[in-house]
Amino acid sequence: MEWKTHGERQIYNNPWVNLWLVDVQQPDGHRWEYHVVRLRHLAVAAVVNDRQEVLMMWRHRFITNSWAWELPMGLVEEGETPEEAAAREVLEETGWRPGPIKPLIYAEPANGITDSQHHVFRVDGATYSGPPTEKNESDRIEWIPLSEVRGMIDRREVVSSGSLVGLLYLLMDETIR
């Protein structure tokens, strides 16, 4: 059952978030204006070293007033590929220069209200380059054993969807090997 789009109009715009009203018709014939949030796409990096540890950041999110562990991530800039964005974010946010990068998983975390795309990459290894250049991203940067990640998720120490999707897929992938 497919919804039909009859048009759309932007009602708010800034560099971070855009709000649109979309004139839609549901399969039952009901027609109305649906709010859609259009966001820039996100690149996430699950950096894994040869000791089976993943590079994570302990950070505060003011919107939910919560602390949690996250993978390095950030918005894909104009003219940049998601892979380039992931590599840039790892270096800026952690000070580690990423090794080989390959796609891990793609997700649309809230596709009933937003068009946000999350491109999650696996990075095999990293070389320390120096302190992070992004000073406002995290309080701590640590290599966390993959064997501890499931417990961290269960204790709600990891709550970001980009991090959860990447870590869970990474754990699933590790169990298959």
Protein backbone atom coordinates (compact mmCIF):
# COMPACT_ATOMS: atom_id res chain seq x y z
CA MET A 1 0.00 0.00 0.00
CA GLU A 2 1.72 3.12 -1.25
CA TRP A 3 1.03 6.68 -0.16
CA LYS A 4 0.84 9.27 -2.97
CA THR A 5 2.58 12.64 -2.77
CA HIS A 6 0.77 15.59 -4.37
CA GLY A 7 3.27 18.28 -3.46
CA GLU A 8 5.32 19.72 -0.66
CA ARG A 9 6.37 23.05 0.77
CA GLN A 10 9.17 24.06 3.06
CA ILE A 11 8.09 25.83 6.26
CA TYR A 12 11.46 26.10 8.07
CA ASN A 13 15.06 25.99 6.86
CA ASN A 14 18.50 26.22 8.43
CA PRO A 15 21.85 24.45 7.90
CA TRP A 16 20.96 21.69 10.41
CA VAL A 17 17.28 20.89 9.99
CA ASN A 18 14.52 21.60 7.50
CA LEU A 19 10.80 21.15 8.08
CA TRP A 20 8.43 20.45 5.20
CA LEU A 21 4.69 19.95 4.87
CA VAL A 22 3.97 17.22 2.34
CA ASP A 23 0.52 16.86 0.78
CA VAL A 24 -0.07 13.09 0.92
CA GLN A 25 -2.91 10.74 0.15
CA GLN A 26 -3.14 7.47 2.05
CA PRO A 27 -4.29 4.27 0.35
CA ASP A 28 -7.74 4.66 1.96
CA GLY A 29 -8.15 8.01 0.14
CA HIS A 30 -7.58 10.27 3.17
CA ARG A 31 -5.54 13.31 2.09
CA TRP A 32 -3.70 15.63 4.47
CA GLU A 33 -0.45 17.52 5.13
CA TYR A 34 2.26 15.43 6.79
CA HIS A 35 5.24 16.98 8.62
CA VAL A 36 8.61 15.77 7.32
CA VAL A 37 11.98 16.62 8.85
CA ARG A 38 14.76 16.71 6.27
CA LEU A 39 18.24 16.29 7.73
CA ARG A 40 21.74 16.10 6.36
CA HIS A 41 23.05 12.57 6.21
CA LEU A 42 25.26 11.04 8.90
CA ALA A 43 28.49 9.04 8.68
CA VAL A 44 29.41 6.73 11.57
CA ALA A 45 32.69 4.86 12.10
CA ALA A 46 33.18 1.67 14.09
CA VAL A 47 36.97 1.62 14.45
CA VAL A 48 38.25 -1.79 15.55
CA ASN A 49 41.85 -2.56 16.49
CA ASP A 50 43.72 -5.86 16.41
CA ARG A 51 42.90 -6.46 20.12
CA GLN A 52 39.16 -6.56 19.26
CA GLU A 53 38.49 -3.18 20.86
CA VAL A 54 36.30 -0.44 19.43
CA LEU A 55 37.13 3.28 19.62
CA MET A 56 34.40 5.14 21.53
CA MET A 57 33.75 8.56 23.03
CA TRP A 58 32.04 9.36 26.35
CA ARG A 59 29.90 12.39 25.71
CA HIS A 60 27.06 14.51 27.00
CA ARG A 61 24.00 15.26 24.87
CA PHE A 62 22.30 18.39 26.15
CA ILE A 63 18.99 17.67 24.37
CA THR A 64 18.34 14.60 26.52
CA ASN A 65 20.69 15.73 29.32
CA SER A 66 22.37 12.35 29.24
CA TRP A 67 25.86 10.85 29.13
CA ALA A 68 26.64 7.83 26.95
CA TRP A 69 29.29 6.13 24.84
CA GLU A 70 29.19 6.83 21.11
CA LEU A 71 31.10 5.92 18.00
CA PRO A 72 32.72 8.80 16.11
CA MET A 73 30.11 10.30 13.79
CA GLY A 74 29.11 13.45 12.03
CA LEU A 75 27.25 15.07 9.20
CA VAL A 76 28.28 14.49 5.60
CA GLU A 77 29.44 17.86 4.26
CA GLU A 78 28.63 19.26 0.79
CA GLY A 79 30.80 17.55 -1.85
CA GLU A 80 31.95 14.85 0.56
CA THR A 81 31.20 11.14 0.35
CA PRO A 82 29.90 9.37 3.47
CA GLU A 83 33.20 7.41 3.61
CA GLU A 84 35.23 10.64 3.53
CA ALA A 85 33.01 12.10 6.26
CA ALA A 86 33.52 9.04 8.47
CA ALA A 87 37.31 9.25 8.10
CA ARG A 88 37.29 12.99 8.79
CA GLU A 89 35.12 12.61 11.88
CA VAL A 90 37.32 9.87 13.37
CA LEU A 91 40.40 12.07 13.07
CA GLU A 92 38.71 15.31 14.23
CA GLU A 93 36.83 13.78 17.16
CA THR A 94 39.39 11.27 18.46
CA GLY A 95 42.83 12.18 17.14
CA TRP A 96 43.19 8.71 15.59
CA ARG A 97 43.86 8.46 11.83
CA PRO A 98 41.64 5.68 10.49
CA GLY A 99 42.93 2.62 8.67
CA PRO A 100 41.07 0.90 5.83
CA ILE A 101 37.37 1.79 5.71
CA LYS A 102 34.59 -0.38 4.35
CA PRO A 103 30.79 -0.11 4.50
CA LEU A 104 29.29 -1.96 7.46
CA ILE A 105 25.56 -1.16 7.32
CA TYR A 106 23.10 1.48 6.10
CA ALA A 107 20.13 2.63 8.18
CA GLU A 108 17.24 5.10 8.12
CA PRO A 109 16.60 5.51 11.86
CA ALA A 110 13.25 7.33 11.79
CA ASN A 111 11.99 7.05 8.22
CA GLY A 112 8.39 7.71 9.25
CA ILE A 113 9.26 11.33 9.96
CA THR A 114 12.73 12.08 8.54
CA ASP A 115 14.80 11.32 5.45
CA SER A 116 18.03 11.02 7.45
CA GLN A 117 20.43 8.39 6.15
CA HIS A 118 23.04 6.81 8.43
CA HIS A 119 26.05 5.36 6.65
CA VAL A 120 27.97 3.17 9.09
CA PHE A 121 31.50 2.05 8.28
CA ARG A 122 33.90 -0.46 9.76
CA VAL A 123 37.43 0.85 10.11
CA ASP A 124 40.18 -1.70 10.63
CA GLY A 125 42.83 -0.10 12.80
CA ALA A 126 43.94 3.45 13.42
CA THR A 127 47.15 5.33 14.11
CA TYR A 128 47.32 7.94 16.85
CA SER A 129 47.89 11.35 15.29
CA GLY A 130 47.51 13.68 18.29
CA PRO A 131 44.78 15.25 20.40
CA PRO A 132 41.38 15.68 18.74
CA THR A 133 40.86 18.97 16.94
CA GLU A 134 37.16 18.99 17.89
CA LYS A 135 37.37 20.17 21.51
CA ASN A 136 33.61 20.03 22.28
CA GLU A 137 32.84 16.46 21.30
CA SER A 138 33.66 14.26 24.30
CA ASP A 139 35.11 14.01 27.80
CA ARG A 140 36.93 10.73 27.19
CA ILE A 141 38.09 8.67 24.23
CA GLU A 142 38.76 5.00 24.92
CA TRP A 143 39.28 1.66 23.23
CA ILE A 144 36.48 -0.54 24.60
CA PRO A 145 36.73 -4.36 24.35
CA LEU A 146 34.01 -5.66 22.02
CA SER A 147 33.26 -8.27 24.68
CA GLU A 148 31.99 -5.45 26.97
CA VAL A 149 29.73 -3.73 24.43
CA ARG A 150 26.65 -5.91 24.94
CA GLY A 151 26.62 -5.17 28.68
CA MET A 152 27.06 -1.46 27.99
CA ILE A 153 24.05 -1.54 25.67
CA ASP A 154 21.99 -3.45 28.26
CA ARG A 155 22.90 -0.84 30.92
CA ARG A 156 21.90 1.99 28.51
CA GLU A 157 25.46 3.28 28.36
CA VAL A 158 25.07 3.32 24.56
CA VAL A 159 21.81 4.89 23.32
CA SER A 160 22.57 6.75 20.08
CA SER A 161 20.92 4.96 17.15
CA GLY A 162 23.95 5.42 14.91
CA SER A 163 26.18 3.84 17.54
CA LEU A 164 23.69 1.07 18.37
CA VAL A 165 23.19 0.07 14.74
CA GLY A 166 26.93 -0.02 14.10
CA LEU A 167 27.87 -1.82 17.29
CA LEU A 168 25.12 -4.43 17.09
CA TYR A 169 25.93 -5.19 13.47
CA LEU A 170 29.63 -5.32 14.32
CA LEU A 171 28.92 -7.76 17.18
CA MET A 172 26.74 -9.88 14.92
CA ASP A 173 29.44 -9.86 12.26
CA GLU A 174 32.08 -10.90 14.83
CA THR A 175 30.02 -13.90 15.95
CA ILE A 176 29.82 -15.16 12.36
CA ARG A 177 33.59 -15.12 11.83
